[in-house]
N, C-alpha and C. Protein backbone atom coordinates (compact mmCIF):
# COMPACT_ATOMS: atom_id res chain seq x y z
N MET A 1 -14.64 37.70 21.15
CA MET A 1 -14.21 36.59 20.33
C MET A 1 -15.34 36.11 19.58
N SER A 2 -15.23 35.76 18.21
CA SER A 2 -16.54 35.31 17.66
C SER A 2 -16.57 33.95 17.76
N ALA A 3 -17.78 33.40 17.43
CA ALA A 3 -17.92 31.90 17.50
C ALA A 3 -17.01 31.11 16.67
N THR A 4 -16.46 31.65 15.51
CA THR A 4 -15.63 31.06 14.49
C THR A 4 -14.32 30.89 15.14
N VAL A 5 -13.79 31.99 15.85
CA VAL A 5 -12.53 32.01 16.37
C VAL A 5 -12.51 31.04 17.56
N ARG A 6 -13.48 30.94 18.40
CA ARG A 6 -13.69 30.02 19.42
C ARG A 6 -13.68 28.60 18.94
N ARG A 7 -14.29 28.37 17.82
CA ARG A 7 -14.36 27.00 17.18
C ARG A 7 -13.13 26.44 16.76
N ARG A 8 -12.39 27.51 16.15
CA ARG A 8 -11.00 27.35 15.60
C ARG A 8 -10.12 26.97 16.63
N LYS A 9 -10.20 27.82 17.70
CA LYS A 9 -9.26 27.49 18.77
C LYS A 9 -9.55 25.99 19.52
N LEU A 10 -10.96 25.75 19.60
CA LEU A 10 -11.15 24.42 20.10
C LEU A 10 -10.58 23.26 19.10
N TRP A 11 -10.73 23.42 17.90
CA TRP A 11 -10.15 22.46 17.03
C TRP A 11 -8.57 22.38 17.04
N LEU A 12 -7.98 23.48 17.35
CA LEU A 12 -6.54 23.59 17.48
C LEU A 12 -5.99 22.84 18.77
N LEU A 13 -6.73 23.18 19.88
CA LEU A 13 -6.47 22.75 21.18
C LEU A 13 -6.72 21.05 21.04
N LEU A 14 -7.72 20.67 20.64
CA LEU A 14 -7.91 19.19 20.42
C LEU A 14 -7.02 18.54 19.49
N HIS A 15 -6.51 19.27 18.47
CA HIS A 15 -5.37 18.84 17.51
C HIS A 15 -4.06 18.57 18.33
N ILE A 16 -3.75 19.50 18.97
CA ILE A 16 -2.58 19.47 19.76
C ILE A 16 -2.53 18.48 21.00
N VAL A 17 -3.64 18.39 21.58
CA VAL A 17 -3.79 17.40 22.78
C VAL A 17 -3.81 16.04 22.05
N SER A 18 -4.47 15.71 21.01
CA SER A 18 -4.71 14.41 20.35
C SER A 18 -3.21 13.83 19.95
N ALA A 19 -2.49 15.03 19.26
CA ALA A 19 -1.21 14.55 18.87
C ALA A 19 -0.13 14.17 20.09
N GLY A 20 -0.54 14.98 21.07
CA GLY A 20 0.46 14.83 22.37
C GLY A 20 0.04 13.31 22.97
N VAL A 21 -1.15 12.99 22.91
CA VAL A 21 -1.54 11.73 23.25
C VAL A 21 -1.07 10.44 22.50
N TRP A 22 -0.99 10.70 21.21
CA TRP A 22 -0.57 9.92 20.15
C TRP A 22 0.86 9.67 20.48
N ILE A 23 1.76 10.59 20.59
CA ILE A 23 2.97 10.56 21.01
C ILE A 23 3.17 9.84 22.16
N GLY A 24 2.40 10.10 23.16
CA GLY A 24 2.61 9.43 24.70
C GLY A 24 2.19 7.87 24.55
N VAL A 25 1.26 7.46 23.55
CA VAL A 25 0.89 6.11 23.33
C VAL A 25 2.16 5.37 22.64
N ASP A 26 2.81 6.16 21.78
CA ASP A 26 3.84 5.61 21.22
C ASP A 26 5.01 5.34 21.96
N VAL A 27 5.38 6.20 22.84
CA VAL A 27 6.30 5.97 23.77
C VAL A 27 6.09 4.86 24.81
N ILE A 28 4.91 4.77 25.11
CA ILE A 28 4.42 3.37 25.97
C ILE A 28 4.68 2.26 25.07
N VAL A 29 4.43 2.38 23.94
CA VAL A 29 4.78 1.04 22.83
C VAL A 29 6.17 0.93 23.00
N ALA A 30 6.98 1.80 22.84
CA ALA A 30 8.46 1.73 22.77
C ALA A 30 9.04 0.99 24.19
N VAL A 31 8.49 1.59 25.06
CA VAL A 31 8.76 1.01 26.55
C VAL A 31 8.30 -0.28 26.77
N LEU A 32 7.23 -0.77 26.31
CA LEU A 32 6.73 -2.08 26.37
C LEU A 32 7.59 -3.07 25.49
N VAL A 33 7.69 -2.55 24.34
CA VAL A 33 8.46 -3.46 23.35
C VAL A 33 9.91 -3.71 23.97
N GLY A 34 10.60 -2.69 24.52
CA GLY A 34 12.01 -2.70 24.95
C GLY A 34 11.91 -3.60 26.34
N ALA A 35 10.78 -3.35 27.14
CA ALA A 35 10.75 -4.34 28.28
C ALA A 35 10.57 -5.70 27.96
N GLY A 36 9.76 -6.00 26.97
CA GLY A 36 9.68 -7.46 26.61
C GLY A 36 10.80 -7.79 25.91
N ALA A 37 11.66 -7.18 25.23
CA ALA A 37 12.66 -7.65 24.43
C ALA A 37 14.07 -7.78 25.50
N LEU A 38 13.98 -7.08 26.60
CA LEU A 38 15.16 -6.97 27.40
C LEU A 38 14.79 -8.01 28.70
N ALA A 39 13.49 -8.33 28.85
CA ALA A 39 13.19 -9.23 30.01
C ALA A 39 13.93 -10.50 30.04
N ARG A 40 14.54 -10.70 31.22
CA ARG A 40 15.09 -12.11 31.47
C ARG A 40 14.43 -13.11 31.63
N ASP A 41 13.11 -12.90 32.25
CA ASP A 41 12.20 -13.75 32.63
C ASP A 41 11.03 -13.85 31.59
N ASP A 42 10.50 -15.10 31.38
CA ASP A 42 9.46 -15.35 30.32
C ASP A 42 8.09 -14.72 30.86
N GLY A 43 7.96 -14.56 32.17
CA GLY A 43 6.88 -14.06 32.67
C GLY A 43 6.81 -12.54 32.66
N ASP A 44 7.93 -11.98 32.88
CA ASP A 44 8.06 -10.43 32.49
C ASP A 44 7.96 -10.24 31.02
N ARG A 45 8.44 -10.92 30.13
CA ARG A 45 8.27 -10.78 28.80
C ARG A 45 6.73 -10.99 28.44
N ALA A 46 6.12 -12.01 28.84
CA ALA A 46 4.79 -12.13 28.58
C ALA A 46 3.98 -11.16 29.04
N LEU A 47 4.12 -10.54 30.34
CA LEU A 47 3.39 -9.42 30.82
C LEU A 47 3.44 -8.12 29.92
N ALA A 48 4.75 -7.77 29.62
CA ALA A 48 5.05 -6.73 28.59
C ALA A 48 4.20 -6.76 27.26
N TYR A 49 4.15 -7.99 26.56
CA TYR A 49 3.63 -8.20 25.37
C TYR A 49 2.07 -8.20 25.62
N GLN A 50 1.75 -8.85 26.62
CA GLN A 50 0.17 -9.03 26.97
C GLN A 50 -0.33 -7.54 27.17
N ALA A 51 0.41 -6.77 28.00
CA ALA A 51 -0.08 -5.19 28.01
C ALA A 51 -0.04 -4.59 26.68
N LEU A 52 0.94 -4.69 25.79
CA LEU A 52 1.13 -4.12 24.51
C LEU A 52 -0.30 -4.38 23.81
N GLY A 53 -0.39 -5.94 23.60
CA GLY A 53 -1.58 -6.43 22.85
C GLY A 53 -2.89 -5.85 23.35
N SER A 54 -3.16 -5.74 24.60
CA SER A 54 -4.37 -5.43 25.14
C SER A 54 -4.69 -4.01 25.30
N PHE A 55 -3.84 -3.09 25.68
CA PHE A 55 -4.14 -1.65 25.83
C PHE A 55 -3.68 -0.64 24.94
N VAL A 56 -2.97 -0.96 23.85
CA VAL A 56 -2.34 0.16 22.95
C VAL A 56 -3.15 0.42 21.81
N ILE A 57 -3.68 -0.43 21.06
CA ILE A 57 -4.24 -0.25 19.79
C ILE A 57 -5.46 0.94 19.90
N TRP A 58 -6.29 0.81 20.63
CA TRP A 58 -7.54 1.55 20.70
C TRP A 58 -7.23 3.12 20.96
N PRO A 59 -6.36 3.24 22.11
CA PRO A 59 -5.96 4.61 22.45
C PRO A 59 -5.09 5.24 21.34
N MET A 60 -4.15 4.46 20.81
CA MET A 60 -3.48 5.05 19.67
C MET A 60 -4.42 5.41 18.57
N LEU A 61 -5.24 4.47 18.09
CA LEU A 61 -6.08 4.69 16.78
C LEU A 61 -7.06 5.90 17.18
N THR A 62 -7.57 5.91 18.35
CA THR A 62 -8.38 7.01 18.62
C THR A 62 -7.75 8.36 18.72
N SER A 63 -6.55 8.53 19.06
CA SER A 63 -6.00 9.81 19.13
C SER A 63 -5.44 10.05 17.83
N ALA A 64 -5.09 9.08 16.94
CA ALA A 64 -4.69 9.40 15.57
C ALA A 64 -5.92 9.87 14.62
N LEU A 65 -6.96 9.13 14.95
CA LEU A 65 -8.23 9.63 14.15
C LEU A 65 -8.75 11.07 14.66
N VAL A 66 -8.64 11.32 15.89
CA VAL A 66 -9.09 12.70 16.31
C VAL A 66 -8.03 13.82 15.81
N CYS A 67 -6.78 13.34 15.78
CA CYS A 67 -5.74 14.20 15.19
C CYS A 67 -6.09 14.53 13.76
N LEU A 68 -6.46 13.48 13.00
CA LEU A 68 -6.77 13.55 11.47
C LEU A 68 -8.12 14.52 11.53
N LEU A 69 -9.06 14.20 12.12
CA LEU A 69 -10.14 14.89 11.99
C LEU A 69 -9.99 16.43 12.33
N THR A 70 -9.41 16.68 13.42
CA THR A 70 -9.25 18.02 13.78
C THR A 70 -8.40 18.68 12.72
N GLY A 71 -7.15 18.06 12.26
CA GLY A 71 -6.50 18.60 11.25
C GLY A 71 -7.16 18.95 9.99
N VAL A 72 -8.17 18.08 9.52
CA VAL A 72 -8.90 18.31 8.36
C VAL A 72 -9.83 19.60 8.63
N LEU A 73 -10.51 19.61 9.94
CA LEU A 73 -11.41 20.78 10.21
C LEU A 73 -10.62 22.03 10.29
N LEU A 74 -9.33 22.07 10.89
CA LEU A 74 -8.54 23.16 10.78
C LEU A 74 -8.18 23.61 9.39
N GLY A 75 -7.94 22.71 8.33
CA GLY A 75 -7.48 23.01 7.14
C GLY A 75 -8.71 23.56 6.41
N LEU A 76 -9.97 23.07 6.63
CA LEU A 76 -11.09 23.66 5.90
C LEU A 76 -11.39 24.85 6.73
N GLU A 77 -11.08 25.45 7.96
CA GLU A 77 -11.44 26.61 8.39
C GLU A 77 -10.40 27.69 8.56
N THR A 78 -9.26 27.50 8.19
CA THR A 78 -8.24 28.33 8.15
C THR A 78 -7.65 28.74 7.03
N LYS A 79 -6.69 29.64 6.94
CA LYS A 79 -6.03 30.11 5.65
C LYS A 79 -5.18 29.11 5.12
N TRP A 80 -4.62 28.15 5.92
CA TRP A 80 -3.60 27.15 5.56
C TRP A 80 -4.42 26.13 4.56
N GLY A 81 -5.53 25.79 4.73
CA GLY A 81 -6.26 25.05 3.87
C GLY A 81 -5.63 23.53 4.08
N LEU A 82 -6.29 22.55 3.21
CA LEU A 82 -5.69 21.15 3.31
C LEU A 82 -4.49 20.76 2.38
N VAL A 83 -4.63 21.51 1.19
CA VAL A 83 -3.45 21.29 0.24
C VAL A 83 -3.10 22.55 -0.33
N ARG A 84 -3.18 23.67 0.35
CA ARG A 84 -2.68 24.77 -0.13
C ARG A 84 -1.26 25.05 0.15
N TYR A 85 -0.77 24.67 1.28
CA TYR A 85 0.58 24.55 1.48
C TYR A 85 1.05 23.33 1.67
N TRP A 86 2.47 23.06 1.31
CA TRP A 86 3.15 21.78 1.44
C TRP A 86 3.21 21.21 2.75
N TRP A 87 3.44 22.13 3.74
CA TRP A 87 3.68 21.43 4.94
C TRP A 87 2.42 20.77 5.55
N VAL A 88 1.26 21.44 5.21
CA VAL A 88 -0.01 20.89 5.57
C VAL A 88 -0.47 19.67 4.92
N ALA A 89 0.06 19.66 3.58
CA ALA A 89 -0.17 18.44 2.73
C ALA A 89 0.44 17.26 3.22
N VAL A 90 1.88 17.44 3.67
CA VAL A 90 2.68 16.52 3.97
C VAL A 90 2.25 15.89 5.45
N LYS A 91 1.77 16.76 6.29
CA LYS A 91 1.18 16.32 7.57
C LYS A 91 -0.06 15.52 7.40
N LEU A 92 -0.90 15.82 6.40
CA LEU A 92 -2.13 15.05 6.14
C LEU A 92 -1.75 13.65 5.63
N VAL A 93 -0.92 13.68 4.64
CA VAL A 93 -0.31 12.49 4.28
C VAL A 93 0.43 11.46 5.31
N LEU A 94 1.14 12.02 6.18
CA LEU A 94 1.72 11.26 7.13
C LEU A 94 0.69 10.84 8.12
N ASN A 95 -0.43 11.53 8.49
CA ASN A 95 -1.41 11.02 9.41
C ASN A 95 -2.15 9.98 8.78
N LEU A 96 -2.50 9.98 7.35
CA LEU A 96 -3.14 9.08 6.84
C LEU A 96 -2.39 7.62 6.69
N VAL A 97 -1.21 7.72 6.53
CA VAL A 97 -0.23 6.63 6.32
C VAL A 97 -0.18 5.88 7.62
N LEU A 98 -0.09 6.86 8.71
CA LEU A 98 0.15 6.38 10.14
C LEU A 98 -1.14 5.58 10.58
N CYS A 99 -2.29 6.15 10.18
CA CYS A 99 -3.43 5.54 10.51
C CYS A 99 -3.71 4.16 9.86
N THR A 100 -3.43 4.16 8.66
CA THR A 100 -3.57 2.95 7.80
C THR A 100 -2.63 1.82 8.30
N LEU A 101 -1.39 2.21 8.81
CA LEU A 101 -0.57 1.21 9.33
C LEU A 101 -0.91 0.72 10.54
N ILE A 102 -1.50 1.56 11.45
CA ILE A 102 -2.07 1.02 12.64
C ILE A 102 -3.15 0.07 12.50
N ILE A 103 -4.13 0.34 11.48
CA ILE A 103 -5.10 -0.67 11.19
C ILE A 103 -4.76 -2.00 10.55
N VAL A 104 -3.81 -1.69 9.48
CA VAL A 104 -3.48 -2.72 8.51
C VAL A 104 -2.35 -3.68 9.10
N LEU A 105 -1.29 -3.10 9.73
CA LEU A 105 -0.27 -3.89 10.03
C LEU A 105 -0.06 -4.09 11.68
N LEU A 106 -0.42 -3.12 12.48
CA LEU A 106 -0.35 -3.17 14.01
C LEU A 106 -1.38 -4.01 14.69
N ARG A 107 -2.67 -3.55 14.28
CA ARG A 107 -3.70 -4.22 14.99
C ARG A 107 -3.82 -5.69 14.76
N PRO A 108 -3.58 -6.14 13.61
CA PRO A 108 -3.67 -7.75 13.39
C PRO A 108 -2.66 -8.42 14.19
N MET A 109 -1.56 -7.90 14.59
CA MET A 109 -0.43 -8.55 15.38
C MET A 109 -1.02 -8.72 16.81
N MET A 110 -2.00 -7.91 17.45
CA MET A 110 -2.13 -7.78 18.83
C MET A 110 -2.84 -9.00 19.42
N PRO A 111 -3.75 -9.82 18.67
CA PRO A 111 -4.08 -11.05 19.49
C PRO A 111 -3.15 -12.01 19.59
N GLU A 112 -2.19 -12.11 18.65
CA GLU A 112 -0.99 -13.02 19.15
C GLU A 112 -0.14 -12.44 20.30
N LEU A 113 -0.03 -11.14 20.44
CA LEU A 113 0.65 -10.69 21.57
C LEU A 113 -0.12 -10.99 22.87
N ARG A 114 -1.42 -10.84 22.75
CA ARG A 114 -2.31 -11.11 24.17
C ARG A 114 -2.09 -12.51 24.36
N ALA A 115 -2.17 -13.39 23.57
CA ALA A 115 -2.11 -14.69 23.75
C ALA A 115 -0.66 -15.25 23.78
N TYR A 116 0.14 -14.54 24.30
CA TYR A 116 1.83 -14.62 24.08
C TYR A 116 2.06 -16.02 24.34
N ALA A 117 2.91 -16.58 23.44
CA ALA A 117 3.38 -17.94 23.52
C ALA A 117 4.80 -18.00 23.17
N GLU A 118 5.54 -18.79 23.88
CA GLU A 118 7.10 -18.99 23.66
C GLU A 118 7.31 -19.13 22.14
N GLY A 119 8.29 -18.50 21.57
CA GLY A 119 8.68 -18.68 20.25
C GLY A 119 8.02 -17.54 19.31
N LEU A 120 7.10 -16.69 19.86
CA LEU A 120 6.63 -15.72 18.98
C LEU A 120 7.58 -14.69 18.53
N ASP A 121 7.66 -14.60 17.22
CA ASP A 121 8.75 -13.50 16.71
C ASP A 121 8.27 -12.23 16.99
N THR A 122 8.87 -11.29 18.02
CA THR A 122 8.59 -10.06 18.31
C THR A 122 9.62 -8.97 17.62
N SER A 123 10.44 -9.46 16.94
CA SER A 123 11.50 -8.55 16.21
C SER A 123 10.98 -7.54 15.43
N SER A 124 9.88 -7.64 14.87
CA SER A 124 9.17 -6.51 14.03
C SER A 124 8.43 -5.64 14.79
N LEU A 125 8.43 -5.81 16.07
CA LEU A 125 7.70 -4.76 17.01
C LEU A 125 8.60 -3.53 17.32
N VAL A 126 9.84 -3.62 17.17
CA VAL A 126 10.64 -2.52 17.17
C VAL A 126 10.41 -1.30 16.22
N PHE A 127 10.02 -1.63 15.00
CA PHE A 127 9.79 -0.72 13.97
C PHE A 127 8.57 0.26 14.12
N PRO A 128 7.35 -0.23 14.68
CA PRO A 128 6.44 0.73 14.81
C PRO A 128 6.60 1.90 15.63
N PRO A 129 7.21 1.82 16.76
CA PRO A 129 7.35 3.04 17.51
C PRO A 129 8.47 3.87 16.91
N ILE A 130 9.28 3.31 16.17
CA ILE A 130 10.49 4.08 15.54
C ILE A 130 9.95 4.88 14.43
N VAL A 131 9.13 4.19 13.52
CA VAL A 131 8.39 4.86 12.49
C VAL A 131 7.44 6.11 12.82
N SER A 132 6.47 5.57 13.91
CA SER A 132 5.50 6.66 14.24
C SER A 132 6.03 7.73 14.98
N LEU A 133 7.05 7.59 15.83
CA LEU A 133 7.62 8.72 16.43
C LEU A 133 8.44 9.55 15.58
N THR A 134 9.16 9.09 14.72
CA THR A 134 9.74 9.87 13.67
C THR A 134 8.87 10.54 12.84
N ALA A 135 7.77 9.97 12.29
CA ALA A 135 6.90 10.82 11.64
C ALA A 135 6.02 11.70 12.44
N LEU A 136 5.70 11.50 13.51
CA LEU A 136 5.09 12.40 14.57
C LEU A 136 5.95 13.76 14.67
N THR A 137 7.30 13.47 14.93
CA THR A 137 8.37 14.47 15.17
C THR A 137 8.38 15.36 14.00
N ILE A 138 8.49 14.75 12.75
CA ILE A 138 8.64 15.41 11.46
C ILE A 138 7.33 16.26 11.36
N ALA A 139 5.99 15.64 11.73
CA ALA A 139 4.90 16.61 11.61
C ALA A 139 4.79 17.73 12.61
N THR A 140 5.50 17.44 13.72
CA THR A 140 5.58 18.60 14.79
C THR A 140 6.50 19.73 14.39
N VAL A 141 7.77 19.36 13.70
CA VAL A 141 8.52 20.24 13.24
C VAL A 141 7.94 20.95 12.16
N LEU A 142 7.08 20.30 11.23
CA LEU A 142 6.43 21.10 10.24
C LEU A 142 5.43 22.05 10.66
N SER A 143 4.74 21.67 11.70
CA SER A 143 3.88 22.63 12.23
C SER A 143 4.52 23.95 12.54
N VAL A 144 5.60 23.69 13.29
CA VAL A 144 6.45 24.91 13.85
C VAL A 144 6.97 25.72 12.88
N TYR A 145 7.68 25.11 11.84
CA TYR A 145 8.60 25.93 10.89
C TYR A 145 7.86 26.20 9.50
N LYS A 146 6.71 25.49 9.29
CA LYS A 146 5.88 25.78 7.99
C LYS A 146 6.92 26.02 6.86
N PRO A 147 7.61 25.00 6.43
CA PRO A 147 8.59 25.11 5.30
C PRO A 147 7.73 24.98 3.93
N TRP A 148 8.57 25.41 2.87
CA TRP A 148 8.22 24.90 1.43
C TRP A 148 7.11 25.87 0.80
N GLY A 149 6.48 26.60 1.47
CA GLY A 149 5.44 27.59 0.84
C GLY A 149 4.32 26.95 0.23
N ARG A 150 3.73 27.63 -0.77
CA ARG A 150 2.41 27.09 -1.25
C ARG A 150 2.55 26.18 -2.30
N VAL A 151 1.67 25.34 -2.47
CA VAL A 151 1.44 24.31 -3.53
C VAL A 151 1.25 25.17 -4.72
N ALA A 152 2.01 24.79 -5.77
CA ALA A 152 1.70 25.57 -7.13
C ALA A 152 0.49 25.19 -7.75
N ARG A 153 -0.49 26.25 -8.05
CA ARG A 153 -1.97 25.79 -8.92
C ARG A 153 -1.54 25.62 -10.01
N ARG A 154 -2.39 24.81 -10.57
CA ARG A 154 -2.43 24.43 -12.19
C ARG A 154 -3.19 25.49 -12.79
N ARG A 155 -2.58 26.16 -13.79
CA ARG A 155 -3.22 27.15 -14.60
C ARG A 155 -3.73 26.38 -16.07
N ASP A 156 -4.92 26.04 -16.33
CA ASP A 156 -5.25 25.45 -17.50
C ASP A 156 -5.76 26.49 -18.52
């Protein structure tokens, strides 16, 4: 096995594992949001939201960025390219959008959750795990089925 093949397999392995970790963290987010929303006791609700605010963002962002980096490396080193095929381009856009949402929308909410106070509006917390898990499921389906064919090249 050549060094190039070994390197490509390493990137692929890291890509798959980081995507799995990302999905797992999103499931944890959904569980903590659900536990906080359904808690009957203010202490249990506070504990769920404090855990969410304290432990979720960095593992999620790290796995998302590793997934993005390894996806780009795979795109550069394989026949699929970065924007040669629609399914790869869509996965790249999904990853970039989700990384941006983590940084711009989700991360700023976390200090409030850590310092949970009565009356904090947590209704918007339902959407991040729904959006992220849906997008990651779409990315997984695209990886398996590889639909839509090649991106048309412009001929000038």
